[in-house]
């Protein structure tokens, strides 16, 4: 209390708690983004690997069957349709075509 009877209230705000909270929130966001980026990267890798193995299997189908151009595109489309409509992967279906070509 001042000598004139007035009350002085200290209104200074300690920002250390706010700053610490903002830093912690930033760290949490960075960790979350890093985790999400790793998940997306893993999914892209998986999709790329599926495409790579499918193309390799279709290359074998081509080599064994002698299919070219449109014939090979039809075989690839068939493998994709089977892969989409059965429990087997598209690569499994391409391999089935390969084994059928071996038997022909």
N, C-alpha and C. Protein backbone atom coordinates (compact mmCIF):
# COMPACT_ATOMS: atom_id res chain seq x y z
N UNK A 1 0.85 -1.16 0.00
CA UNK A 1 0.00 0.00 0.00
C UNK A 1 0.90 1.23 0.00
N UNK A 2 0.56 2.16 -0.83
CA UNK A 2 1.33 3.39 -0.91
C UNK A 2 0.91 4.32 0.23
N UNK A 3 1.68 5.35 0.46
CA UNK A 3 1.42 6.29 1.54
C UNK A 3 0.12 7.06 1.35
N UNK A 4 -0.37 7.15 0.11
CA UNK A 4 -1.60 7.90 -0.13
C UNK A 4 -2.84 7.03 -0.03
N UNK A 5 -2.68 5.74 0.35
CA UNK A 5 -3.81 4.84 0.51
C UNK A 5 -4.14 4.03 -0.73
N UNK A 6 -3.41 4.23 -1.82
CA UNK A 6 -3.67 3.46 -3.03
C UNK A 6 -2.97 2.10 -2.93
N UNK A 7 -3.50 1.14 -3.66
CA UNK A 7 -2.93 -0.20 -3.70
C UNK A 7 -2.26 -0.39 -5.06
N UNK A 8 -1.07 -0.87 -5.05
CA UNK A 8 -0.34 -1.12 -6.29
C UNK A 8 -0.33 -2.64 -6.51
N UNK A 9 -0.83 -3.03 -7.66
CA UNK A 9 -0.88 -4.45 -8.00
C UNK A 9 0.11 -4.70 -9.12
N UNK A 10 0.97 -5.67 -8.93
CA UNK A 10 1.96 -6.03 -9.94
C UNK A 10 1.25 -6.85 -11.02
N UNK A 11 1.19 -6.32 -12.23
CA UNK A 11 0.50 -7.02 -13.33
C UNK A 11 1.47 -7.63 -14.33
N UNK A 12 2.72 -7.73 -13.97
CA UNK A 12 3.69 -8.35 -14.86
C UNK A 12 3.35 -9.84 -14.96
N UNK A 13 3.36 -10.34 -16.16
CA UNK A 13 3.05 -11.74 -16.39
C UNK A 13 4.35 -12.50 -16.61
N UNK A 14 4.48 -13.60 -15.89
CA UNK A 14 5.65 -14.45 -16.07
C UNK A 14 5.37 -15.35 -17.27
N UNK A 15 6.09 -15.14 -18.35
CA UNK A 15 5.86 -15.87 -19.58
C UNK A 15 6.64 -17.18 -19.66
N UNK A 16 7.39 -17.51 -18.66
CA UNK A 16 8.21 -18.72 -18.73
C UNK A 16 7.35 -19.98 -18.89
N UNK A 17 6.24 -20.02 -18.17
CA UNK A 17 5.35 -21.18 -18.29
C UNK A 17 4.74 -21.27 -19.68
N UNK A 18 4.33 -20.13 -20.22
CA UNK A 18 3.76 -20.08 -21.57
C UNK A 18 4.81 -20.50 -22.60
N UNK A 19 6.02 -19.96 -22.45
CA UNK A 19 7.09 -20.31 -23.39
C UNK A 19 7.41 -21.81 -23.33
N UNK A 20 7.49 -22.34 -22.13
CA UNK A 20 7.78 -23.78 -21.98
C UNK A 20 6.66 -24.61 -22.61
N UNK A 21 5.44 -24.20 -22.42
CA UNK A 21 4.31 -24.91 -23.01
C UNK A 21 4.33 -24.87 -24.53
N UNK A 22 4.68 -23.71 -25.09
CA UNK A 22 4.76 -23.58 -26.55
C UNK A 22 5.89 -24.45 -27.11
N UNK A 23 7.01 -24.50 -26.41
CA UNK A 23 8.12 -25.34 -26.85
C UNK A 23 7.71 -26.82 -26.81
N UNK A 24 7.05 -27.22 -25.73
CA UNK A 24 6.60 -28.61 -25.61
C UNK A 24 5.59 -28.94 -26.70
N UNK A 25 4.69 -28.01 -27.00
CA UNK A 25 3.70 -28.22 -28.05
C UNK A 25 4.39 -28.34 -29.41
N UNK A 26 5.38 -27.51 -29.65
CA UNK A 26 6.14 -27.57 -30.90
C UNK A 26 6.87 -28.90 -31.04
N UNK A 27 7.48 -29.37 -29.94
CA UNK A 27 8.17 -30.66 -29.97
C UNK A 27 7.20 -31.80 -30.24
N UNK A 28 6.04 -31.74 -29.62
CA UNK A 28 5.02 -32.76 -29.84
C UNK A 28 4.56 -32.77 -31.30
N UNK A 29 4.34 -31.59 -31.85
CA UNK A 29 3.93 -31.50 -33.26
C UNK A 29 5.02 -32.04 -34.18
N UNK A 30 6.27 -31.72 -33.89
CA UNK A 30 7.38 -32.20 -34.72
C UNK A 30 7.46 -33.72 -34.67
N UNK A 31 7.28 -34.30 -33.48
CA UNK A 31 7.32 -35.76 -33.35
C UNK A 31 6.16 -36.40 -34.11
N UNK A 32 5.00 -35.78 -34.02
CA UNK A 32 3.82 -36.29 -34.73
C UNK A 32 4.02 -36.25 -36.23
N UNK A 33 4.56 -35.14 -36.72
CA UNK A 33 4.81 -35.02 -38.16
C UNK A 33 5.87 -36.02 -38.62
N UNK A 34 6.90 -36.24 -37.81
CA UNK A 34 7.93 -37.21 -38.16
C UNK A 34 7.35 -38.62 -38.24
N UNK A 35 6.49 -38.95 -37.29
CA UNK A 35 5.85 -40.27 -37.29
C UNK A 35 4.96 -40.43 -38.51
N UNK A 36 4.20 -39.40 -38.83
CA UNK A 36 3.32 -39.45 -40.01
C UNK A 36 4.14 -39.57 -41.29
N UNK A 37 5.24 -38.84 -41.36
CA UNK A 37 6.10 -38.91 -42.55
C UNK A 37 6.69 -40.30 -42.73
N UNK A 38 7.09 -40.93 -41.62
CA UNK A 38 7.63 -42.29 -41.72
C UNK A 38 6.56 -43.26 -42.19
N UNK A 39 5.33 -43.07 -41.71
CA UNK A 39 4.24 -43.96 -42.13
C UNK A 39 3.94 -43.79 -43.62
N UNK A 40 3.91 -42.55 -44.08
CA UNK A 40 3.65 -42.30 -45.50
C UNK A 40 4.79 -42.85 -46.34
N UNK A 41 6.01 -42.64 -45.89
CA UNK A 41 7.17 -43.16 -46.61
C UNK A 41 7.10 -44.69 -46.72
N UNK A 42 6.74 -45.34 -45.62
CA UNK A 42 6.61 -46.80 -45.62
C UNK A 42 5.54 -47.28 -46.58
N UNK A 43 4.44 -46.56 -46.64
CA UNK A 43 3.35 -46.94 -47.54
C UNK A 43 3.76 -46.75 -49.00
N UNK A 44 4.44 -45.65 -49.31
CA UNK A 44 4.93 -45.44 -50.67
C UNK A 44 5.90 -46.55 -51.07
N UNK A 45 6.76 -46.93 -50.15
CA UNK A 45 7.73 -47.99 -50.43
C UNK A 45 7.00 -49.31 -50.70
N UNK A 46 5.99 -49.60 -49.90
CA UNK A 46 5.23 -50.84 -50.09
C UNK A 46 4.56 -50.85 -51.46
N UNK A 47 3.93 -49.74 -51.83
CA UNK A 47 3.26 -49.66 -53.13
C UNK A 47 4.27 -49.78 -54.26
N UNK A 48 5.41 -49.11 -54.11
CA UNK A 48 6.46 -49.19 -55.13
C UNK A 48 6.96 -50.62 -55.26
N UNK A 49 7.16 -51.31 -54.13
CA UNK A 49 7.64 -52.69 -54.16
C UNK A 49 6.64 -53.62 -54.82
N UNK A 50 5.35 -53.40 -54.56
CA UNK A 50 4.32 -54.22 -55.21
C UNK A 50 4.38 -54.02 -56.72
N UNK A 51 4.49 -52.77 -57.14
CA UNK A 51 4.57 -52.49 -58.58
C UNK A 51 5.81 -53.11 -59.20
N UNK A 52 6.92 -53.03 -58.48
CA UNK A 52 8.18 -53.58 -58.99
C UNK A 52 8.10 -55.10 -59.14
N UNK A 53 7.55 -55.77 -58.13
CA UNK A 53 7.46 -57.23 -58.22
C UNK A 53 6.45 -57.66 -59.27
N UNK A 54 5.37 -56.88 -59.44
CA UNK A 54 4.39 -57.20 -60.48
C UNK A 54 5.03 -57.07 -61.86
N UNK A 55 5.76 -55.99 -62.07
CA UNK A 55 6.42 -55.78 -63.36
C UNK A 55 7.44 -56.88 -63.65
N UNK A 56 8.16 -57.31 -62.61
CA UNK A 56 9.12 -58.40 -62.79
C UNK A 56 8.41 -59.69 -63.17
N UNK A 57 7.28 -59.97 -62.51
CA UNK A 57 6.51 -61.18 -62.83
C UNK A 57 5.96 -61.11 -64.25
N UNK A 58 5.48 -59.94 -64.66
CA UNK A 58 4.95 -59.80 -66.01
C UNK A 58 6.06 -59.90 -67.05
N UNK A 59 7.26 -59.48 -66.70
CA UNK A 59 8.40 -59.64 -67.59
C UNK A 59 8.68 -61.12 -67.83
N UNK A 60 8.54 -61.92 -66.77
CA UNK A 60 8.71 -63.37 -66.91
C UNK A 60 7.60 -63.97 -67.77
N UNK A 61 6.37 -63.48 -67.57
CA UNK A 61 5.25 -63.94 -68.39
C UNK A 61 5.56 -63.67 -69.86
N UNK A 62 6.05 -62.47 -70.14
CA UNK A 62 6.38 -62.10 -71.51
C UNK A 62 7.47 -63.01 -72.09
N UNK A 63 8.50 -63.25 -71.30
CA UNK A 63 9.62 -64.07 -71.77
C UNK A 63 9.18 -65.52 -72.05
N UNK A 64 8.34 -66.03 -71.19
CA UNK A 64 7.93 -67.44 -71.33
C UNK A 64 6.85 -67.61 -72.40
N UNK A 65 5.90 -66.69 -72.43
CA UNK A 65 4.77 -66.83 -73.34
C UNK A 65 5.05 -66.27 -74.73
N UNK A 66 5.98 -65.35 -74.82
CA UNK A 66 6.24 -64.68 -76.09
C UNK A 66 5.23 -63.60 -76.40
N UNK A 67 4.37 -63.27 -75.43
CA UNK A 67 3.36 -62.24 -75.63
C UNK A 67 4.03 -60.88 -75.80
N UNK A 68 3.49 -60.09 -76.70
CA UNK A 68 4.02 -58.75 -76.93
C UNK A 68 2.87 -57.75 -77.03
N UNK A 69 3.20 -56.49 -76.89
CA UNK A 69 2.25 -55.40 -77.13
C UNK A 69 0.91 -55.59 -76.46
N UNK A 70 -0.11 -55.63 -77.30
CA UNK A 70 -1.49 -55.72 -76.81
C UNK A 70 -1.75 -57.01 -76.05
N UNK A 71 -1.15 -58.11 -76.49
CA UNK A 71 -1.34 -59.39 -75.79
C UNK A 71 -0.84 -59.27 -74.35
N UNK A 72 0.32 -58.68 -74.20
CA UNK A 72 0.90 -58.53 -72.86
C UNK A 72 0.05 -57.58 -72.01
N UNK A 73 -0.47 -56.53 -72.62
CA UNK A 73 -1.34 -55.60 -71.88
C UNK A 73 -2.61 -56.32 -71.41
N UNK A 74 -3.17 -57.18 -72.26
CA UNK A 74 -4.36 -57.94 -71.87
C UNK A 74 -4.04 -58.89 -70.72
N UNK A 75 -2.88 -59.54 -70.78
CA UNK A 75 -2.48 -60.43 -69.69
C UNK A 75 -2.28 -59.65 -68.38
N UNK A 76 -1.66 -58.50 -68.47
CA UNK A 76 -1.46 -57.66 -67.28
C UNK A 76 -2.79 -57.20 -66.71
N UNK A 77 -3.71 -56.80 -67.60
CA UNK A 77 -5.05 -56.40 -67.15
C UNK A 77 -5.78 -57.56 -66.48
N UNK A 78 -5.61 -58.75 -67.03
CA UNK A 78 -6.22 -59.95 -66.43
C UNK A 78 -5.68 -60.18 -65.03
N UNK A 79 -4.36 -60.10 -64.87
CA UNK A 79 -3.75 -60.28 -63.55
C UNK A 79 -4.26 -59.23 -62.57
N UNK A 80 -4.41 -58.00 -63.03
CA UNK A 80 -4.91 -56.93 -62.16
C UNK A 80 -6.36 -57.18 -61.76
N UNK A 81 -7.19 -57.65 -62.71
CA UNK A 81 -8.59 -57.96 -62.39
C UNK A 81 -8.67 -59.10 -61.39
N UNK A 82 -7.87 -60.14 -61.60
CA UNK A 82 -7.87 -61.26 -60.65
C UNK A 82 -7.41 -60.79 -59.28
N UNK A 83 -6.38 -59.96 -59.25
CA UNK A 83 -5.87 -59.45 -57.98
C UNK A 83 -6.89 -58.61 -57.24
N UNK A 84 -7.69 -57.87 -57.99
CA UNK A 84 -8.71 -57.02 -57.37
C UNK A 84 -9.93 -57.79 -56.90
N UNK A 85 -10.17 -58.95 -57.51
CA UNK A 85 -11.42 -59.67 -57.22
C UNK A 85 -11.23 -60.98 -56.46
N UNK A 86 -10.00 -61.30 -56.09
CA UNK A 86 -9.74 -62.53 -55.35
C UNK A 86 -8.91 -62.22 -54.11
N UNK A 87 -8.60 -63.25 -53.36
CA UNK A 87 -7.78 -63.08 -52.15
C UNK A 87 -6.30 -62.96 -52.48
N UNK A 88 -5.95 -63.16 -53.75
CA UNK A 88 -4.55 -63.17 -54.15
C UNK A 88 -4.09 -61.79 -54.57
N UNK A 89 -2.79 -61.55 -54.41
CA UNK A 89 -2.22 -60.27 -54.83
C UNK A 89 -2.09 -60.24 -56.34
N UNK A 90 -1.90 -59.07 -56.88
CA UNK A 90 -1.72 -58.92 -58.31
C UNK A 90 -0.45 -59.67 -58.76
N UNK A 91 0.57 -59.69 -57.91
CA UNK A 91 1.79 -60.42 -58.24
C UNK A 91 1.54 -61.93 -58.23
N UNK A 92 0.75 -62.41 -57.29
CA UNK A 92 0.36 -63.83 -57.28
C UNK A 92 -0.32 -64.19 -58.60
N UNK A 93 -1.19 -63.31 -59.04
CA UNK A 93 -1.94 -63.57 -60.28
C UNK A 93 -1.02 -63.54 -61.49
N UNK A 94 -0.06 -62.64 -61.50
CA UNK A 94 0.91 -62.60 -62.60
C UNK A 94 1.74 -63.89 -62.60
N UNK A 95 2.11 -64.34 -61.42
CA UNK A 95 2.85 -65.61 -61.33
C UNK A 95 2.00 -66.78 -61.82
N UNK A 96 0.70 -66.75 -61.55
CA UNK A 96 -0.20 -67.81 -62.06
C UNK A 96 -0.18 -67.81 -63.58
N UNK A 97 -0.19 -66.61 -64.17
CA UNK A 97 -0.10 -66.53 -65.64
C UNK A 97 1.22 -67.10 -66.14
N UNK A 98 2.27 -66.86 -65.39
CA UNK A 98 3.59 -67.38 -65.76
C UNK A 98 3.56 -68.91 -65.77
N UNK A 99 2.98 -69.50 -64.72
CA UNK A 99 2.91 -70.97 -64.65
C UNK A 99 2.01 -71.54 -65.75
N UNK A 100 0.96 -70.80 -66.09
CA UNK A 100 0.11 -71.25 -67.20
C UNK A 100 0.89 -71.20 -68.51
N UNK A 101 1.71 -70.20 -68.69
CA UNK A 101 2.53 -70.10 -69.90
C UNK A 101 3.55 -71.23 -69.97
N UNK A 102 4.07 -71.62 -68.81
CA UNK A 102 5.03 -72.73 -68.78
C UNK A 102 4.37 -74.02 -69.22
N UNK A 103 3.10 -74.19 -68.90
CA UNK A 103 2.37 -75.43 -69.21
C UNK A 103 1.90 -75.45 -70.68
N UNK A 104 1.87 -74.30 -71.29
CA UNK A 104 1.33 -74.23 -72.66
C UNK A 104 2.29 -74.78 -73.69
